Each structure stands twice: as C-alpha cells, then as structure tokens.
Amino acid sequence: MAKFQYYTVEAVEKLKAELHHLKFQGRQDMAKQIAEARDKGDLSENAEYDAAKDAQGLLELKISKLEVVVANARVLDESTIDTSKVSIYSIVQIKNTKNAMVVTYTIVSEEEADLRAGKISATSPFGKGLLGKKVGDLAEIQAPAGKLEFEIMSITR
C-alpha cells in the first residue's frame, strides 16, 4: 500500500533533481570507478573492485528508495492550510510550560526535517504531539528527557 507524503512544490522539485542526478551522474561516476578498479588486475583479489561494486549496490538502493518517495509525493497547496490547528507545513510557536522558553517550528515531511532550520518531522514525537492542536492548547510530548508540556502560542503559514 502506497504511503503518500505531502511536500511543497520546491521540495518535490528538489527530490526530482536529486533523483535525476543520482540516476545519470551518479551511475556514470560509479561505472568509471568500477572500470578503473577492473583495470587493476585479478578481480578475485581486488578489494577496490569489490568496494566499487558494493558502492554501486548502495547507489542503486538509494535510487530505488528515492523513486518510491517521488512516486508517492503529493504537492500540498499551501493556500489551503488551515491555520486554526497545527497541520503539515504549519509554522507553530510553542512555549515550554516549565521554563517559559519559546521556540518556533515548521512541521514538515520526514525527508525535509532539519532541526537546525527549525523544521521538524510530522512523524517525530514533537510533530505527532503538536498535530491537531489549536492556539492555547497544551501539548504533552514524550522526549528522551521525559514528558514535556508546551503551550501552543501561535499557528501561521
């Protein structure tokens, strides 16, 4: 059963560009590495050849997985995002109820998550804990440090 993931137009284009690069440039580079390793002599004792073939297998696996992601990608019309509750691509400002620290996160798909950029996956414990909440709601999130409680301060897009 296919599992659809929602992305922005930019994210889908980035995934497609990466797939195209891996399928064409990545495969060409890998073929060159294998040919160079093959030219170095006896294949039964050629560790460089074995390593290149292993790397080729990993490249093909990555291409295969990315093809599935692209095939199941759906573009989300950002103008239709309901800002009355936290959903994918919402920008949510939350306040820790214990220390009053305020942080802002954007809820994104798993492939787009980047904590340094303030983007958290909708499938992460934080993402799951925030989804569906409204301004003023309290979200209890199970973190490695224990259960944390956050108040939803604002939701925007």
Protein backbone atom coordinates (compact mmCIF):
# COMPACT_ATOMS: atom_id res chain seq x y z
CA MET A 1 0.00 0.00 0.00
CA ALA A 2 1.40 3.38 -1.02
CA LYS A 3 2.04 5.92 1.71
CA PHE A 4 1.53 9.40 0.34
CA GLN A 5 3.68 12.23 1.71
CA TYR A 6 2.88 15.89 1.24
CA TYR A 7 5.53 18.34 0.06
CA THR A 8 5.84 21.89 -1.16
CA VAL A 9 6.47 22.41 -4.88
CA GLU A 10 10.11 23.32 -4.08
CA ALA A 11 10.63 20.13 -2.07
CA VAL A 12 9.25 17.92 -4.86
CA GLU A 13 11.48 19.64 -7.40
CA LYS A 14 14.49 19.14 -5.12
CA LEU A 15 13.69 15.41 -4.75
CA LYS A 16 13.30 15.04 -8.53
CA ALA A 17 16.59 16.87 -9.15
CA GLU A 18 18.42 14.62 -6.68
CA LEU A 19 16.93 11.51 -8.31
CA HIS A 20 17.92 12.73 -11.77
CA HIS A 21 21.48 13.45 -10.57
CA LEU A 22 21.85 10.01 -8.98
CA LYS A 23 20.43 8.18 -12.00
CA PHE A 24 22.64 9.90 -14.53
CA GLN A 25 25.75 11.47 -12.99
CA GLY A 26 25.91 9.06 -10.05
CA ARG A 27 25.67 5.98 -12.26
CA GLN A 28 28.25 7.37 -14.70
CA ASP A 29 30.69 8.08 -11.88
CA MET A 30 30.13 4.61 -10.44
CA ALA A 31 30.72 2.95 -13.83
CA LYS A 32 34.04 4.82 -14.12
CA GLN A 33 35.10 3.68 -10.64
CA ILE A 34 34.26 0.07 -11.45
CA ALA A 35 36.10 0.24 -14.79
CA GLU A 36 39.19 1.75 -13.13
CA ALA A 37 39.16 -0.91 -10.41
CA ARG A 38 38.67 -3.69 -13.00
CA ASP A 39 41.73 -2.47 -14.90
CA LYS A 40 43.90 -3.04 -11.82
CA GLY A 41 44.13 -6.78 -12.27
CA ASP A 42 42.75 -10.02 -10.89
CA LEU A 43 39.15 -9.44 -9.77
CA SER A 44 39.25 -12.26 -7.19
CA GLU A 45 41.84 -10.36 -5.13
CA ASN A 46 40.81 -6.81 -6.00
CA ALA A 47 39.44 -5.10 -2.90
CA GLU A 48 38.95 -1.83 -4.78
CA TYR A 49 36.70 -3.59 -7.30
CA ASP A 50 34.67 -5.20 -4.50
CA ALA A 51 34.29 -1.82 -2.78
CA ALA A 52 33.17 -0.18 -6.02
CA LYS A 53 30.58 -2.93 -6.62
CA ASP A 54 29.30 -2.52 -3.04
CA ALA A 55 29.06 1.25 -3.55
CA GLN A 56 27.14 0.62 -6.77
CA GLY A 57 24.65 -1.55 -4.87
CA LEU A 58 24.16 1.20 -2.28
CA LEU A 59 23.65 3.79 -5.03
CA GLU A 60 21.01 1.61 -6.70
CA LEU A 61 19.26 1.11 -3.35
CA LYS A 62 19.21 4.87 -2.76
CA ILE A 63 17.82 5.46 -6.28
CA SER A 64 15.14 2.82 -5.73
CA LYS A 65 14.03 4.35 -2.41
CA LEU A 66 14.00 7.87 -3.87
CA GLU A 67 11.90 6.68 -6.82
CA VAL A 68 9.28 5.40 -4.35
CA VAL A 69 9.33 8.71 -2.44
CA VAL A 70 8.91 10.74 -5.65
CA ALA A 71 6.15 8.42 -6.91
CA ASN A 72 4.22 8.86 -3.65
CA ALA A 73 4.89 12.60 -3.30
CA ARG A 74 1.87 14.88 -3.36
CA VAL A 75 2.14 18.65 -3.69
CA LEU A 76 0.30 20.48 -0.94
CA ASP A 77 -1.40 23.70 -1.91
CA GLU A 78 -0.12 25.97 0.85
CA SER A 79 -3.05 28.35 0.44
CA THR A 80 -5.40 25.62 1.70
CA ILE A 81 -3.59 25.08 5.01
CA ASP A 82 -5.94 25.54 7.95
CA THR A 83 -4.15 27.76 10.47
CA SER A 84 -6.76 27.15 13.19
CA LYS A 85 -4.90 23.96 14.12
CA VAL A 86 -1.40 22.55 13.69
CA SER A 87 -1.01 20.56 10.46
CA ILE A 88 1.74 19.76 8.00
CA TYR A 89 3.55 22.93 6.85
CA SER A 90 2.18 24.92 9.78
CA ILE A 91 4.60 27.27 11.49
CA VAL A 92 3.90 26.83 15.17
CA GLN A 93 5.25 28.85 18.07
CA ILE A 94 5.31 26.92 21.34
CA LYS A 95 6.21 27.79 24.92
CA ASN A 96 7.67 25.31 27.38
CA THR A 97 5.41 25.50 30.44
CA LYS A 98 8.27 24.71 32.83
CA ASN A 99 10.91 27.25 31.77
CA ALA A 100 8.83 29.62 29.56
CA MET A 101 11.27 29.13 26.66
CA VAL A 102 9.56 29.94 23.35
CA VAL A 103 10.57 28.20 20.10
CA THR A 104 9.15 28.17 16.60
CA TYR A 105 9.00 25.09 14.37
CA THR A 106 7.69 24.32 10.93
CA ILE A 107 6.01 20.92 10.67
CA VAL A 108 7.33 19.17 7.54
CA SER A 109 7.57 15.73 5.95
CA GLU A 110 10.19 13.31 7.23
CA GLU A 111 12.55 13.91 4.28
CA GLU A 112 12.51 17.68 4.79
CA ALA A 113 13.17 17.66 8.55
CA ASP A 114 16.13 19.81 9.63
CA LEU A 115 16.20 20.76 13.29
CA ARG A 116 18.85 23.45 12.75
CA ALA A 117 16.49 25.17 10.32
CA GLY A 118 13.56 24.79 12.72
CA LYS A 119 11.85 22.11 10.61
CA ILE A 120 10.56 19.07 12.47
CA SER A 121 9.02 15.96 11.01
CA ALA A 122 5.30 15.40 11.40
CA THR A 123 6.19 11.79 12.33
CA SER A 124 8.62 12.76 15.12
CA PRO A 125 7.45 12.73 18.76
CA PHE A 126 7.29 16.55 18.71
CA GLY A 127 5.44 16.62 15.39
CA LYS A 128 2.94 13.99 16.49
CA GLY A 129 2.40 15.80 19.79
CA LEU A 130 1.68 19.11 18.06
CA LEU A 131 -0.51 17.95 15.14
CA GLY A 132 -4.16 18.87 15.56
CA LYS A 133 -3.58 21.26 18.47
CA LYS A 134 -5.05 24.78 18.49
CA VAL A 135 -3.76 28.06 19.91
CA GLY A 136 -3.93 27.88 23.70
CA ASP A 137 -3.90 24.06 23.79
CA LEU A 138 -1.32 22.20 25.84
CA ALA A 139 0.71 19.51 24.11
CA GLU A 140 2.37 16.77 26.15
CA ILE A 141 5.38 15.40 24.31
CA GLN A 142 7.42 12.38 25.34
CA ALA A 143 11.08 13.34 24.88
CA PRO A 144 14.25 11.47 25.86
CA ALA A 145 14.48 13.75 28.92
CA GLY A 146 10.95 12.81 29.98
CA LYS A 147 7.49 14.22 29.39
CA LEU A 148 7.47 17.88 28.34
CA GLU A 149 4.48 20.19 28.18
CA PHE A 150 4.15 23.01 25.68
CA GLU A 151 1.51 25.65 25.15
CA ILE A 152 0.62 26.49 21.56
CA MET A 153 1.21 30.26 21.22
CA SER A 154 0.54 30.80 17.51
CA ILE A 155 -0.04 28.95 14.24
CA THR A 156 0.76 30.55 10.90
CA ARG A 157 1.68 29.57 7.39
